[in-house]
Amino acid sequence: MKIARHFFLLLITLGCYSTLIAQSHPAKPKALLNHVAIFVVNLEKTKAFYRDVFQLDTIPEPFHDGKHTWYSIAPGVSMHVIQGAGKPKEYYQNNHICFSVSNTPDFVEKLRELGLNWFNASGVKSQITTRIDGVKQVWITDPDGYWLEINDAK
């Protein structure tokens, strides 16, 4: 009985000590997404694309050099569009940025009105993918070939 009591007191002491150590050495904050950046050939053409297709709001950018445009793309997250690329590149569809909309078929109608092509998950033109969870999605490319997924995930 005496050994059990000593063992119990040892466990309590170790528990209190580890709590004190944890409080005096707070965990490092996890990393949070701040922004994504894309490098483009023609800033004006790209600005028109993101304005007309997604109605993104611009936010102040510090450079004021005519080579940068910043957009708010989520609370506390921005997209930096930077002019200076020599030519558009070819990217993999799986390497993409995703925007959610309220209704993918309605968004596809907008793409149709703008004369833009869209693709399903397999790269088939003018098709919508319906995921196993019911989310509808399409993919488009911006003027520099960056792939963008558009879905109606809640």
N, C-alpha and C. Protein backbone atom coordinates (compact mmCIF):
# COMPACT_ATOMS: atom_id res chain seq x y z
N MET A 1 0.82 -1.18 0.00
CA MET A 1 0.00 0.00 0.00
C MET A 1 0.87 1.25 0.00
N LYS A 2 1.95 1.23 0.77
CA LYS A 2 2.84 2.36 0.85
C LYS A 2 3.52 2.61 -0.50
N ILE A 3 3.87 1.55 -1.21
CA ILE A 3 4.50 1.68 -2.52
C ILE A 3 3.52 2.28 -3.52
N ALA A 4 2.28 1.85 -3.48
CA ALA A 4 1.25 2.38 -4.38
C ALA A 4 1.04 3.87 -4.13
N ARG A 5 1.03 4.28 -2.85
CA ARG A 5 0.85 5.68 -2.52
C ARG A 5 2.01 6.52 -3.04
N HIS A 6 3.24 6.02 -2.88
CA HIS A 6 4.43 6.73 -3.38
C HIS A 6 4.40 6.82 -4.91
N PHE A 7 3.99 5.74 -5.53
CA PHE A 7 3.91 5.72 -6.99
C PHE A 7 2.87 6.75 -7.47
N PHE A 8 1.74 6.81 -6.80
CA PHE A 8 0.67 7.74 -7.12
C PHE A 8 1.15 9.19 -6.96
N LEU A 9 1.86 9.47 -5.86
CA LEU A 9 2.41 10.81 -5.64
C LEU A 9 3.44 11.17 -6.71
N LEU A 10 4.24 10.20 -7.12
CA LEU A 10 5.22 10.43 -8.17
C LEU A 10 4.53 10.79 -9.48
N LEU A 11 3.45 10.08 -9.81
CA LEU A 11 2.70 10.39 -11.03
C LEU A 11 2.11 11.79 -10.99
N ILE A 12 1.55 12.19 -9.88
CA ILE A 12 0.98 13.53 -9.73
C ILE A 12 2.07 14.58 -9.89
N THR A 13 3.23 14.34 -9.24
CA THR A 13 4.34 15.28 -9.32
C THR A 13 4.83 15.43 -10.76
N LEU A 14 4.98 14.31 -11.46
CA LEU A 14 5.42 14.36 -12.86
C LEU A 14 4.38 15.07 -13.74
N GLY A 15 3.11 14.82 -13.49
CA GLY A 15 2.05 15.47 -14.25
C GLY A 15 2.08 16.97 -14.05
N CYS A 16 2.23 17.42 -12.83
CA CYS A 16 2.30 18.87 -12.53
C CYS A 16 3.53 19.49 -13.17
N TYR A 17 4.67 18.78 -13.09
CA TYR A 17 5.91 19.29 -13.66
C TYR A 17 5.79 19.43 -15.18
N SER A 18 5.22 18.42 -15.85
CA SER A 18 5.10 18.49 -17.31
C SER A 18 4.13 19.60 -17.72
N THR A 19 3.10 19.85 -16.92
CA THR A 19 2.17 20.96 -17.20
C THR A 19 2.89 22.29 -17.08
N LEU A 20 3.72 22.44 -16.05
CA LEU A 20 4.47 23.69 -15.88
C LEU A 20 5.45 23.90 -17.02
N ILE A 21 6.12 22.85 -17.42
CA ILE A 21 7.08 22.94 -18.53
C ILE A 21 6.34 23.33 -19.81
N ALA A 22 5.20 22.71 -20.07
CA ALA A 22 4.43 23.01 -21.29
C ALA A 22 3.97 24.45 -21.29
N GLN A 23 3.58 24.99 -20.13
CA GLN A 23 3.11 26.36 -20.06
C GLN A 23 4.25 27.36 -20.22
N SER A 24 5.43 27.01 -19.77
CA SER A 24 6.56 27.93 -19.89
C SER A 24 7.20 27.87 -21.28
N HIS A 25 6.88 26.87 -22.07
CA HIS A 25 7.38 26.74 -23.44
C HIS A 25 6.18 26.55 -24.36
N PRO A 26 5.46 27.63 -24.66
CA PRO A 26 4.26 27.48 -25.49
C PRO A 26 4.61 26.92 -26.86
N ALA A 27 3.69 26.17 -27.42
CA ALA A 27 3.90 25.57 -28.73
C ALA A 27 4.06 26.67 -29.77
N LYS A 28 4.90 26.41 -30.75
CA LYS A 28 5.06 27.36 -31.85
C LYS A 28 3.74 27.42 -32.61
N PRO A 29 3.37 28.61 -33.07
CA PRO A 29 2.12 28.70 -33.84
C PRO A 29 2.26 27.94 -35.15
N LYS A 30 1.18 27.32 -35.57
CA LYS A 30 1.23 26.62 -36.84
C LYS A 30 1.29 27.63 -37.97
N ALA A 31 1.80 27.21 -39.08
CA ALA A 31 1.89 28.09 -40.25
C ALA A 31 0.50 28.28 -40.83
N LEU A 32 0.21 29.50 -41.28
CA LEU A 32 -1.07 29.82 -41.90
C LEU A 32 -0.81 30.38 -43.29
N LEU A 33 -1.69 30.09 -44.22
CA LEU A 33 -1.55 30.60 -45.58
C LEU A 33 -1.70 32.12 -45.57
N ASN A 34 -0.74 32.81 -46.15
CA ASN A 34 -0.76 34.27 -46.23
C ASN A 34 -1.14 34.72 -47.64
N HIS A 35 -0.47 34.15 -48.66
CA HIS A 35 -0.78 34.51 -50.03
C HIS A 35 -0.27 33.45 -50.99
N VAL A 36 -0.80 33.50 -52.20
CA VAL A 36 -0.25 32.76 -53.32
C VAL A 36 0.18 33.80 -54.34
N ALA A 37 1.16 33.49 -55.16
CA ALA A 37 1.64 34.44 -56.16
C ALA A 37 1.72 33.74 -57.51
N ILE A 38 1.36 34.49 -58.55
CA ILE A 38 1.52 33.98 -59.91
C ILE A 38 2.33 35.00 -60.70
N PHE A 39 3.18 34.50 -61.58
CA PHE A 39 4.09 35.30 -62.38
C PHE A 39 3.54 35.32 -63.80
N VAL A 40 3.18 36.50 -64.32
CA VAL A 40 2.44 36.59 -65.57
C VAL A 40 3.17 37.41 -66.62
N VAL A 41 2.75 37.22 -67.88
CA VAL A 41 3.33 37.96 -68.99
C VAL A 41 2.72 39.35 -69.09
N ASN A 42 1.38 39.43 -69.07
CA ASN A 42 0.69 40.70 -69.30
C ASN A 42 -0.23 40.99 -68.12
N LEU A 43 0.17 41.90 -67.26
CA LEU A 43 -0.58 42.20 -66.05
C LEU A 43 -1.99 42.69 -66.37
N GLU A 44 -2.14 43.56 -67.36
CA GLU A 44 -3.46 44.11 -67.67
C GLU A 44 -4.42 43.02 -68.14
N LYS A 45 -3.95 42.12 -68.97
CA LYS A 45 -4.78 41.01 -69.46
C LYS A 45 -5.19 40.10 -68.31
N THR A 46 -4.26 39.82 -67.42
CA THR A 46 -4.55 38.96 -66.27
C THR A 46 -5.49 39.65 -65.29
N LYS A 47 -5.31 40.94 -65.08
CA LYS A 47 -6.22 41.69 -64.21
C LYS A 47 -7.64 41.64 -64.76
N ALA A 48 -7.79 41.81 -66.06
CA ALA A 48 -9.12 41.75 -66.68
C ALA A 48 -9.74 40.37 -66.50
N PHE A 49 -8.94 39.34 -66.63
CA PHE A 49 -9.45 37.97 -66.47
C PHE A 49 -9.99 37.76 -65.05
N TYR A 50 -9.21 38.07 -64.03
CA TYR A 50 -9.65 37.83 -62.65
C TYR A 50 -10.78 38.77 -62.24
N ARG A 51 -10.80 39.96 -62.82
CA ARG A 51 -11.91 40.88 -62.57
C ARG A 51 -13.20 40.36 -63.21
N ASP A 52 -13.13 40.00 -64.50
CA ASP A 52 -14.33 39.61 -65.23
C ASP A 52 -14.85 38.23 -64.86
N VAL A 53 -13.97 37.29 -64.60
CA VAL A 53 -14.40 35.92 -64.31
C VAL A 53 -14.76 35.74 -62.84
N PHE A 54 -13.97 36.29 -61.94
CA PHE A 54 -14.16 36.02 -60.51
C PHE A 54 -14.60 37.23 -59.68
N GLN A 55 -14.61 38.41 -60.26
CA GLN A 55 -14.94 39.65 -59.53
C GLN A 55 -14.12 39.80 -58.25
N LEU A 56 -12.85 39.47 -58.33
CA LEU A 56 -11.99 39.59 -57.15
C LEU A 56 -11.76 41.06 -56.82
N ASP A 57 -11.70 41.35 -55.53
CA ASP A 57 -11.42 42.70 -55.07
C ASP A 57 -9.92 42.90 -54.95
N THR A 58 -9.44 44.02 -55.50
CA THR A 58 -8.03 44.34 -55.34
C THR A 58 -7.82 44.92 -53.94
N ILE A 59 -6.61 44.75 -53.46
CA ILE A 59 -6.22 45.30 -52.17
C ILE A 59 -4.94 46.10 -52.37
N PRO A 60 -4.64 47.02 -51.47
CA PRO A 60 -3.42 47.83 -51.62
C PRO A 60 -2.17 46.94 -51.68
N GLU A 61 -1.28 47.30 -52.58
CA GLU A 61 0.02 46.62 -52.66
C GLU A 61 1.10 47.66 -52.47
N PRO A 62 2.20 47.29 -51.84
CA PRO A 62 3.19 48.28 -51.42
C PRO A 62 4.13 48.79 -52.51
N PHE A 63 4.18 48.13 -53.66
CA PHE A 63 5.22 48.45 -54.63
C PHE A 63 4.89 49.64 -55.53
N HIS A 64 3.64 49.77 -55.93
CA HIS A 64 3.20 50.89 -56.76
C HIS A 64 4.11 51.08 -57.98
N ASP A 65 4.50 49.96 -58.60
CA ASP A 65 5.41 50.03 -59.73
C ASP A 65 4.76 49.62 -61.05
N GLY A 66 3.45 49.36 -61.01
CA GLY A 66 2.75 48.95 -62.23
C GLY A 66 3.01 47.52 -62.63
N LYS A 67 3.72 46.76 -61.79
CA LYS A 67 4.03 45.36 -62.11
C LYS A 67 3.37 44.38 -61.14
N HIS A 68 2.58 44.90 -60.21
CA HIS A 68 1.94 44.05 -59.20
C HIS A 68 0.47 44.42 -59.06
N THR A 69 -0.35 43.41 -58.85
CA THR A 69 -1.74 43.60 -58.43
C THR A 69 -2.01 42.56 -57.37
N TRP A 70 -2.61 42.97 -56.28
CA TRP A 70 -2.94 42.05 -55.21
C TRP A 70 -4.45 41.96 -55.09
N TYR A 71 -4.93 40.73 -54.86
CA TYR A 71 -6.36 40.47 -54.68
C TYR A 71 -6.61 39.82 -53.33
N SER A 72 -7.73 40.12 -52.74
CA SER A 72 -8.19 39.38 -51.57
C SER A 72 -8.91 38.15 -52.09
N ILE A 73 -8.47 36.95 -51.69
CA ILE A 73 -9.11 35.73 -52.18
C ILE A 73 -9.78 34.92 -51.08
N ALA A 74 -9.56 35.30 -49.84
CA ALA A 74 -10.20 34.66 -48.68
C ALA A 74 -9.87 35.55 -47.48
N PRO A 75 -10.59 35.40 -46.38
CA PRO A 75 -10.25 36.21 -45.20
C PRO A 75 -8.77 36.05 -44.82
N GLY A 76 -8.03 37.14 -44.88
CA GLY A 76 -6.63 37.12 -44.50
C GLY A 76 -5.69 36.49 -45.52
N VAL A 77 -6.19 36.16 -46.71
CA VAL A 77 -5.36 35.50 -47.74
C VAL A 77 -5.44 36.32 -49.02
N SER A 78 -4.29 36.53 -49.65
CA SER A 78 -4.26 37.30 -50.89
C SER A 78 -3.58 36.52 -52.01
N MET A 79 -3.82 36.99 -53.22
CA MET A 79 -3.14 36.46 -54.39
C MET A 79 -2.37 37.63 -55.00
N HIS A 80 -1.08 37.43 -55.21
CA HIS A 80 -0.23 38.46 -55.79
C HIS A 80 0.01 38.09 -57.25
N VAL A 81 -0.36 38.99 -58.15
CA VAL A 81 -0.12 38.81 -59.57
C VAL A 81 1.06 39.71 -59.92
N ILE A 82 2.11 39.11 -60.47
CA ILE A 82 3.36 39.82 -60.71
C ILE A 82 3.71 39.73 -62.19
N GLN A 83 3.86 40.87 -62.84
CA GLN A 83 4.23 40.89 -64.25
C GLN A 83 5.73 40.70 -64.39
N GLY A 84 6.13 39.98 -65.44
CA GLY A 84 7.56 39.81 -65.70
C GLY A 84 7.90 38.49 -66.36
N ALA A 85 6.94 37.57 -66.46
CA ALA A 85 7.22 36.29 -67.11
C ALA A 85 7.47 36.52 -68.61
N GLY A 86 8.37 35.75 -69.18
CA GLY A 86 8.69 35.89 -70.59
C GLY A 86 7.61 35.36 -71.52
N LYS A 87 6.96 34.27 -71.12
CA LYS A 87 5.89 33.68 -71.92
C LYS A 87 5.06 32.77 -71.02
N PRO A 88 3.81 32.51 -71.42
CA PRO A 88 3.00 31.57 -70.63
C PRO A 88 3.65 30.19 -70.63
N LYS A 89 3.40 29.44 -69.58
CA LYS A 89 3.95 28.09 -69.46
C LYS A 89 2.82 27.08 -69.44
N GLU A 90 3.18 25.83 -69.63
CA GLU A 90 2.19 24.77 -69.52
C GLU A 90 2.30 24.18 -68.12
N TYR A 91 1.16 24.09 -67.43
CA TYR A 91 1.12 23.58 -66.07
C TYR A 91 0.24 22.33 -66.02
N TYR A 92 0.44 21.52 -65.01
CA TYR A 92 -0.40 20.34 -64.79
C TYR A 92 -1.72 20.77 -64.15
N GLN A 93 -2.78 20.15 -64.57
CA GLN A 93 -4.10 20.47 -64.03
C GLN A 93 -4.17 20.22 -62.52
N ASN A 94 -3.45 19.22 -62.04
CA ASN A 94 -3.48 18.93 -60.60
C ASN A 94 -2.75 19.99 -59.78
N ASN A 95 -1.98 20.84 -60.42
CA ASN A 95 -1.32 21.95 -59.75
C ASN A 95 -2.18 23.18 -60.00
N HIS A 96 -3.10 23.46 -59.09
CA HIS A 96 -4.10 24.49 -59.35
C HIS A 96 -4.48 25.26 -58.08
N ILE A 97 -5.17 26.37 -58.30
CA ILE A 97 -5.81 27.14 -57.23
C ILE A 97 -7.30 26.86 -57.38
N CYS A 98 -8.01 26.75 -56.27
CA CYS A 98 -9.43 26.45 -56.34
C CYS A 98 -10.25 27.59 -55.74
N PHE A 99 -11.28 27.99 -56.46
CA PHE A 99 -12.26 28.96 -55.97
C PHE A 99 -13.60 28.25 -55.87
N SER A 100 -14.33 28.53 -54.81
CA SER A 100 -15.68 27.97 -54.66
C SER A 100 -16.70 29.03 -55.05
N VAL A 101 -17.76 28.57 -55.71
CA VAL A 101 -18.87 29.41 -56.12
C VAL A 101 -20.15 28.79 -55.56
N SER A 102 -21.23 29.54 -55.60
CA SER A 102 -22.47 29.01 -55.04
C SER A 102 -23.09 27.93 -55.92
N ASN A 103 -22.85 27.98 -57.24
CA ASN A 103 -23.47 27.03 -58.14
C ASN A 103 -22.58 26.85 -59.37
N THR A 104 -22.00 25.69 -59.53
CA THR A 104 -21.07 25.46 -60.64
C THR A 104 -21.76 25.57 -62.00
N PRO A 105 -22.94 24.96 -62.22
CA PRO A 105 -23.58 25.14 -63.54
C PRO A 105 -23.85 26.61 -63.89
N ASP A 106 -24.23 27.43 -62.91
CA ASP A 106 -24.41 28.85 -63.18
C ASP A 106 -23.09 29.51 -63.57
N PHE A 107 -22.02 29.10 -62.91
CA PHE A 107 -20.70 29.65 -63.23
C PHE A 107 -20.29 29.24 -64.65
N VAL A 108 -20.61 28.00 -65.03
CA VAL A 108 -20.31 27.54 -66.38
C VAL A 108 -21.04 28.39 -67.42
N GLU A 109 -22.26 28.80 -67.12
CA GLU A 109 -23.00 29.69 -68.03
C GLU A 109 -22.24 31.01 -68.21
N LYS A 110 -21.68 31.51 -67.14
CA LYS A 110 -20.88 32.74 -67.22
C LYS A 110 -19.66 32.51 -68.10
N LEU A 111 -18.99 31.36 -67.93
CA LEU A 111 -17.84 31.04 -68.77
C LEU A 111 -18.25 30.98 -70.24
N ARG A 112 -19.38 30.38 -70.49
CA ARG A 112 -19.91 30.27 -71.86
C ARG A 112 -20.13 31.68 -72.44
N GLU A 113 -20.74 32.57 -71.64
CA GLU A 113 -20.99 33.95 -72.09
C GLU A 113 -19.70 34.69 -72.37
N LEU A 114 -18.66 34.42 -71.60
CA LEU A 114 -17.36 35.07 -71.78
C LEU A 114 -16.52 34.41 -72.88
N GLY A 115 -17.01 33.29 -73.43
CA GLY A 115 -16.28 32.58 -74.48
C GLY A 115 -15.08 31.82 -73.97
N LEU A 116 -15.12 31.41 -72.71
CA LEU A 116 -14.00 30.67 -72.11
C LEU A 116 -14.27 29.18 -72.10
N ASN A 117 -13.23 28.40 -72.28
CA ASN A 117 -13.32 26.94 -72.23
C ASN A 117 -13.21 26.46 -70.79
N TRP A 118 -13.87 25.35 -70.49
CA TRP A 118 -13.75 24.70 -69.20
C TRP A 118 -13.63 23.21 -69.43
N PHE A 119 -13.12 22.53 -68.41
CA PHE A 119 -12.80 21.11 -68.53
C PHE A 119 -13.24 20.39 -67.27
N ASN A 120 -13.44 19.08 -67.37
CA ASN A 120 -13.73 18.29 -66.17
C ASN A 120 -12.42 17.77 -65.58
N ALA A 121 -12.53 16.95 -64.56
CA ALA A 121 -11.34 16.44 -63.86
C ALA A 121 -10.42 15.63 -64.76
N SER A 122 -10.98 15.05 -65.82
CA SER A 122 -10.18 14.24 -66.75
C SER A 122 -9.65 15.06 -67.92
N GLY A 123 -9.94 16.36 -67.93
CA GLY A 123 -9.47 17.22 -69.02
C GLY A 123 -10.38 17.23 -70.23
N VAL A 124 -11.61 16.70 -70.09
CA VAL A 124 -12.56 16.70 -71.21
C VAL A 124 -13.23 18.07 -71.28
N LYS A 125 -13.15 18.67 -72.46
CA LYS A 125 -13.68 20.03 -72.67
C LYS A 125 -15.20 20.07 -72.51
N SER A 126 -15.68 21.15 -71.90
CA SER A 126 -17.10 21.47 -71.74
C SER A 126 -17.87 20.45 -70.92
N GLN A 127 -17.20 19.81 -69.99
CA GLN A 127 -17.85 18.84 -69.11
C GLN A 127 -17.67 19.26 -67.65
N ILE A 128 -18.65 18.91 -66.82
CA ILE A 128 -18.60 19.16 -65.38
C ILE A 128 -18.38 17.83 -64.67
N THR A 129 -17.50 17.81 -63.69
CA THR A 129 -17.29 16.63 -62.85
C THR A 129 -18.18 16.74 -61.63
N THR A 130 -18.84 15.63 -61.27
CA THR A 130 -19.55 15.56 -59.99
C THR A 130 -18.79 14.57 -59.13
N ARG A 131 -18.21 15.08 -58.05
CA ARG A 131 -17.44 14.22 -57.15
C ARG A 131 -18.37 13.27 -56.41
N ILE A 132 -17.80 12.27 -55.78
CA ILE A 132 -18.55 11.29 -55.02
C ILE A 132 -19.38 11.92 -53.89
N ASP A 133 -18.93 13.09 -53.40
CA ASP A 133 -19.66 13.78 -52.34
C ASP A 133 -20.70 14.77 -52.89
N GLY A 134 -20.90 14.77 -54.21
CA GLY A 134 -21.91 15.62 -54.83
C GLY A 134 -21.42 16.99 -55.27
N VAL A 135 -20.20 17.35 -54.93
CA VAL A 135 -19.66 18.65 -55.32
C VAL A 135 -19.38 18.64 -56.83
N LYS A 136 -19.86 19.69 -57.50
CA LYS A 136 -19.61 19.84 -58.93
C LYS A 136 -18.39 20.72 -59.12
N GLN A 137 -17.57 20.38 -60.11
CA GLN A 137 -16.33 21.12 -60.32
C GLN A 137 -15.97 21.17 -61.80
N VAL A 138 -15.30 22.26 -62.17
CA VAL A 138 -14.74 22.43 -63.50
C VAL A 138 -13.36 23.07 -63.35
N TRP A 139 -12.58 23.03 -64.42
CA TRP A 139 -11.26 23.64 -64.44
C TRP A 139 -11.16 24.56 -65.64
N ILE A 140 -10.48 25.69 -65.46
CA ILE A 140 -10.18 26.61 -66.54
C ILE A 140 -8.72 27.03 -66.38
N THR A 141 -8.20 27.67 -67.42
CA THR A 141 -6.86 28.24 -67.31
C THR A 141 -6.96 29.75 -67.46
N ASP A 142 -6.06 30.44 -66.77
CA ASP A 142 -6.01 31.90 -66.92
C ASP A 142 -5.13 32.22 -68.13
N PRO A 143 -4.94 33.48 -68.47
CA PRO A 143 -4.16 33.84 -69.66
C PRO A 143 -2.73 33.31 -69.70
N ASP A 144 -2.17 32.99 -68.53
CA ASP A 144 -0.80 32.47 -68.50
C ASP A 144 -0.73 30.96 -68.32
N GLY A 145 -1.86 30.29 -68.39
CA GLY A 145 -1.87 28.84 -68.32
C GLY A 145 -2.01 28.26 -66.92
N TYR A 146 -2.18 29.11 -65.91
CA TYR A 146 -2.40 28.58 -64.56
C TYR A 146 -3.77 27.93 -64.49
N TRP A 147 -3.83 26.73 -63.93
CA TRP A 147 -5.10 26.02 -63.80
C TRP A 147 -5.85 26.51 -62.57
N LEU A 148 -7.15 26.66 -62.73
CA LEU A 148 -8.04 27.09 -61.67
C LEU A 148 -9.20 26.11 -61.60
N GLU A 149 -9.41 25.55 -60.43
CA GLU A 149 -10.59 24.71 -60.21
C GLU A 149 -11.70 25.61 -59.67
N ILE A 150 -12.91 25.37 -60.14
CA ILE A 150 -14.07 26.07 -59.61
C ILE A 150 -15.03 24.99 -59.16
N ASN A 151 -15.46 25.07 -57.90
CA ASN A 151 -16.40 24.07 -57.40
C ASN A 151 -17.45 24.73 -56.53
N ASP A 152 -18.48 23.94 -56.18
CA ASP A 152 -19.54 24.47 -55.33
C ASP A 152 -19.53 23.82 -53.95
N ALA A 153 -18.33 23.49 -53.47
CA ALA A 153 -18.19 22.92 -52.11
C ALA A 153 -18.65 23.97 -51.09
N LYS A 154 -19.32 23.50 -50.07
CA LYS A 154 -19.82 24.44 -49.05
C LYS A 154 -18.77 24.68 -47.99
